[in-house]
C-alpha atoms as a PDB file:
ATOM      1  CA  TYR A   1      -0.397   0.053   0.035  1.00  0.00           C
ATOM      2  CA  LEU A   2       2.933   2.306  -0.233  1.00  0.00           C
ATOM      3  CA  ALA A   3       1.647   3.934  -3.587  1.00  0.00           C
ATOM      4  CA  LEU A   4      -1.269   4.928  -1.583  1.00  0.00           C
ATOM      5  CA  ARG A   5       1.083   7.145   0.295  1.00  0.00           C
ATOM      6  CA  ASN A   6       2.931   8.405  -3.088  1.00  0.00           C
ATOM      7  CA  ALA A   7       5.938   6.179  -2.910  1.00  0.00           C
ATOM      8  CA  GLN A   8       7.875   6.028  -6.431  1.00  0.00           C
ATOM      9  CA  LEU A   9      10.010   3.247  -5.549  1.00  0.00           C
ATOM     10  CA  ILE A  10      10.073   0.109  -3.091  1.00  0.00           C
ATOM     11  CA  LEU A  11      13.646  -0.802  -1.922  1.00  0.00           C
ATOM     12  CA  VAL A  12      13.897  -4.635  -0.652  1.00  0.00           C
ATOM     13  CA  PRO A  13      17.374  -5.225   0.908  1.00  0.00           C
ATOM     14  CA  ALA A  14      17.454  -9.297   1.220  1.00  0.00           C
ATOM     15  CA  GLN A  15      19.898 -11.962   2.024  1.00  0.00           C
ATOM     16  CA  TRP A  16      17.809 -15.062   0.174  1.00  0.00           C
ATOM     17  CA  PRO A  17      19.850 -18.379   0.046  1.00  0.00           C
ATOM     18  CA  ASP A  18      20.284 -19.944  -3.358  1.00  0.00           C
ATOM     19  CA  ARG A  19      18.323 -22.764  -2.554  1.00  0.00           C
ATOM     20  CA  ARG A  20      15.220 -20.604  -2.337  1.00  0.00           C
ATOM     21  CA  GLY A  21      15.935 -18.224  -5.584  1.00  0.00           C
ATOM     22  CA  TYR A  22      12.460 -19.283  -7.030  1.00  0.00           C
ATOM     23  CA  ALA A  23      10.812 -17.241  -4.085  1.00  0.00           C
ATOM     24  CA  TRP A  24      13.088 -14.648  -4.705  1.00  0.00           C
ATOM     25  CA  ASP A  25      12.222 -14.583  -8.200  1.00  0.00           C
ATOM     26  CA  VAL A  26       8.472 -14.580  -7.559  1.00  0.00           C
ATOM     27  CA  LEU A  27       8.094 -12.557  -4.734  1.00  0.00           C
ATOM     28  CA  CYS A  28      10.038  -9.143  -6.060  1.00  0.00           C
ATOM     29  CA  ARG A  29       7.787  -9.652  -9.291  1.00  0.00           C
ATOM     30  CA  ALA A  30       4.411  -9.862  -7.006  1.00  0.00           C
ATOM     31  CA  ARG A  31       5.554  -6.620  -4.854  1.00  0.00           C
ATOM     32  CA  ALA A  32       6.059  -4.448  -7.703  1.00  0.00           C
ATOM     33  CA  ILE A  33       2.542  -5.603  -9.428  1.00  0.00           C
ATOM     34  CA  GLU A  34       0.460  -5.532  -6.243  1.00  0.00           C
ATOM     35  CA  ASN A  35       2.061  -1.903  -5.718  1.00  0.00           C
ATOM     36  CA  HIS A  36       2.084  -0.726  -9.015  1.00  0.00           C
ATOM     37  CA  LEU A  37       5.562   0.737  -8.421  1.00  0.00           C
ATOM     38  CA  PHE A  38       8.885   0.048  -9.407  1.00  0.00           C
ATOM     39  CA  LEU A  39      10.946  -2.506  -7.201  1.00  0.00           C
ATOM     40  CA  ALA A  40      14.333  -1.938  -6.302  1.00  0.00           C
ATOM     41  CA  ALA A  41      15.483  -5.509  -4.752  1.00  0.00           C
ATOM     42  CA  VAL A  42      18.920  -6.113  -3.537  1.00  0.00           C
ATOM     43  CA  ASN A  43      20.042  -9.596  -2.273  1.00  0.00           C
ATOM     44  CA  ALA A  44      22.856 -10.725  -0.717  1.00  0.00           C
ATOM     45  CA  VAL A  45      25.810 -12.537  -2.772  1.00  0.00           C
ATOM     46  CA  GLY A  46      28.262 -15.187  -1.559  1.00  0.00           C
ATOM     47  CA  THR A  47      28.388 -17.148   1.387  1.00  0.00           C
ATOM     48  CA  PHE A  48      27.964 -16.995   5.228  1.00  0.00           C
ATOM     49  CA  LYS A  49      28.686 -19.874   7.369  1.00  0.00           C
ATOM     50  CA  GLN A  50      26.466 -22.873   5.297  1.00  0.00           C
ATOM     51  CA  ASP A  51      24.109 -20.253   3.295  1.00  0.00           C
ATOM     52  CA  VAL A  52      25.341 -19.225  -0.309  1.00  0.00           C
ATOM     53  CA  PHE A  53      23.031 -16.286  -1.130  1.00  0.00           C
ATOM     54  CA  TYR A  54      21.199 -16.293  -4.457  1.00  0.00           C
ATOM     55  CA  GLY A  55      22.023 -12.766  -5.842  1.00  0.00           C
ATOM     56  CA  HIS A  56      20.165 -11.755  -8.341  1.00  0.00           C
ATOM     57  CA  SER A  57      19.554  -8.114  -7.644  1.00  0.00           C
ATOM     58  CA  ARG A  58      17.173  -6.561  -9.880  1.00  0.00           C
ATOM     59  CA  LEU A  59      14.888  -3.612 -10.871  1.00  0.00           C
ATOM     60  CA  VAL A  60      11.404  -4.641 -11.699  1.00  0.00           C
ATOM     61  CA  ASP A  61       9.047  -2.344 -13.206  1.00  0.00           C
ATOM     62  CA  PRO A  62       5.319  -2.054 -12.131  1.00  0.00           C
ATOM     63  CA  ASN A  63       4.086  -4.768 -14.336  1.00  0.00           C
ATOM     64  CA  GLY A  64       6.247  -7.064 -12.944  1.00  0.00           C
ATOM     65  CA  CYS A  65       8.887  -7.566 -15.796  1.00  0.00           C
ATOM     66  CA  ILE A  66      12.196  -7.279 -14.906  1.00  0.00           C
ATOM     67  CA  ILE A  67      14.134  -4.359 -16.652  1.00  0.00           C
ATOM     68  CA  ALA A  68      17.646  -4.959 -14.757  1.00  0.00           C
ATOM     69  CA  GLU A  69      19.112  -7.628 -13.071  1.00  0.00           C
ATOM     70  CA  ALA A  70      22.649  -8.815 -11.712  1.00  0.00           C
ATOM     71  CA  GLY A  71      23.810 -12.230 -11.831  1.00  0.00           C
ATOM     72  CA  HIS A  72      25.039 -14.647  -8.768  1.00  0.00           C
ATOM     73  CA  GLY A  73      27.962 -12.327  -7.960  1.00  0.00           C
ATOM     74  CA  GLU A  74      28.764  -8.818  -6.916  1.00  0.00           C
ATOM     75  CA  GLU A  75      27.613  -6.484  -9.644  1.00  0.00           C
ATOM     76  CA  ILE A  76      26.193  -3.027 -10.144  1.00  0.00           C
ATOM     77  CA  VAL A  77      22.892  -2.782 -12.307  1.00  0.00           C
ATOM     78  CA  TYR A  78      21.018   0.114 -13.275  1.00  0.00           C
ATOM     79  CA  ALA A  79      18.096   1.198 -15.660  1.00  0.00           C
ATOM     80  CA  ASP A  80      16.133   4.061 -16.551  1.00  0.00           C
ATOM     81  CA  MET A  81      12.682   4.340 -14.525  1.00  0.00           C
ATOM     82  CA  ASP A  82       9.741   6.360 -16.206  1.00  0.00           C
ATOM     83  CA  SER A  83       7.301   7.386 -12.995  1.00  0.00           C
ATOM     84  CA  ALA A  84       4.480   7.692 -15.549  1.00  0.00           C
ATOM     85  CA  ARG A  85       4.515   3.957 -15.918  1.00  0.00           C
ATOM     86  CA  SER A  86       3.338   3.506 -12.456  1.00  0.00           C
ATOM     87  CA  GLU A  87       0.272   5.966 -13.337  1.00  0.00           C
ATOM     88  CA  GLU A  88      -0.183   3.822 -16.347  1.00  0.00           C
ATOM     89  CA  VAL A  89      -0.488   0.475 -14.892  1.00  0.00           C
ATOM     90  CA  ARG A  90      -2.817   1.863 -12.225  1.00  0.00           C
ATOM     91  CA  LYS A  91      -5.193   3.207 -14.791  1.00  0.00           C
ATOM     92  CA  ILE A  92      -5.134  -0.574 -16.595  1.00  0.00           C
ATOM     93  CA  LEU A  93      -4.908  -2.549 -13.394  1.00  0.00           C
ATOM     94  CA  ASN A  94      -5.874  -0.660 -10.234  1.00  0.00           C
ATOM     95  CA  SER A  95      -6.124  -3.162  -7.585  1.00  0.00           C
ATOM     96  CA  LEU A  96      -5.509  -0.176  -5.188  1.00  0.00           C
ATOM     97  CA  ALA A  97      -9.131   0.921  -5.536  1.00  0.00           C
ATOM     98  CA  ASP A  98     -10.178  -2.208  -3.439  1.00  0.00           C
ATOM     99  CA  VAL A  99      -8.042  -1.239  -0.406  1.00  0.00           C
ATOM    100  CA  ARG A 100      -9.539  -0.349   2.609  1.00  0.00           C
ATOM    101  CA  LEU A 101      -7.330   1.096   5.040  1.00  0.00           C
ATOM    102  CA  ARG A 102      -9.242   0.636   8.258  1.00  0.00           C
ATOM    103  CA  ILE A 103      -9.508  -2.772   7.265  1.00  0.00           C
ATOM    104  CA  SER A 104      -5.637  -3.355   6.571  1.00  0.00           C
ATOM    105  CA  VAL A 105      -3.947  -1.615   8.862  1.00  0.00           C
ATOM    106  CA  PRO A 106      -2.262  -3.937  11.678  1.00  0.00           C
ATOM    107  CA  PRO A 107      -3.780  -3.217  15.148  1.00  0.00           C
ATOM    108  CA  PHE A 108      -0.092  -2.592  16.541  1.00  0.00           C
ATOM    109  CA  ALA A 109       0.164   0.287  13.908  1.00  0.00           C
ATOM    110  CA  ASP A 110      -0.335   2.992  16.791  1.00  0.00           C
ATOM    111  CA  ALA A 111       1.944   1.092  19.451  1.00  0.00           C
ATOM    112  CA  ASP A 112       4.382   3.517  19.291  1.00  0.00           C
ATOM    113  CA  LYS A 113       2.248   6.575  20.135  1.00  0.00           C
END
C-alpha cells in the first residue's frame, strides 16, 4: 500500500539463500505488481557459514517485468525508470482502488504513540 502514500519506488534489501531463489524471483515481481510501483530488490551474494546467497539483485517495473538484473556475484545494475509508467499501470489494473485502509492497518500500527 506504499503507492497510496505516494511512494515512487520500493527498496528491498535481502539475504535470500540460493536454495530459495525461485521464491525471490516470484516475490519481487509480485510486490511490484501489487503496489503498481518500481521495485529495486538488492540481495546478498557470496556465502556466510553454511548459506550461499542467491544474488540476482534486480529492478522490476510496475508490470512485474525485470528491467535490469545482476547475476549470482557482485555486480552493479541500473536502468531508466519512467515514473509515468506507474500511473499507466494503475489505470489498467487498479487493484489499489479496492484497498480499505481501516481494515488493512494492523492493530499494532499505533503502538508507538
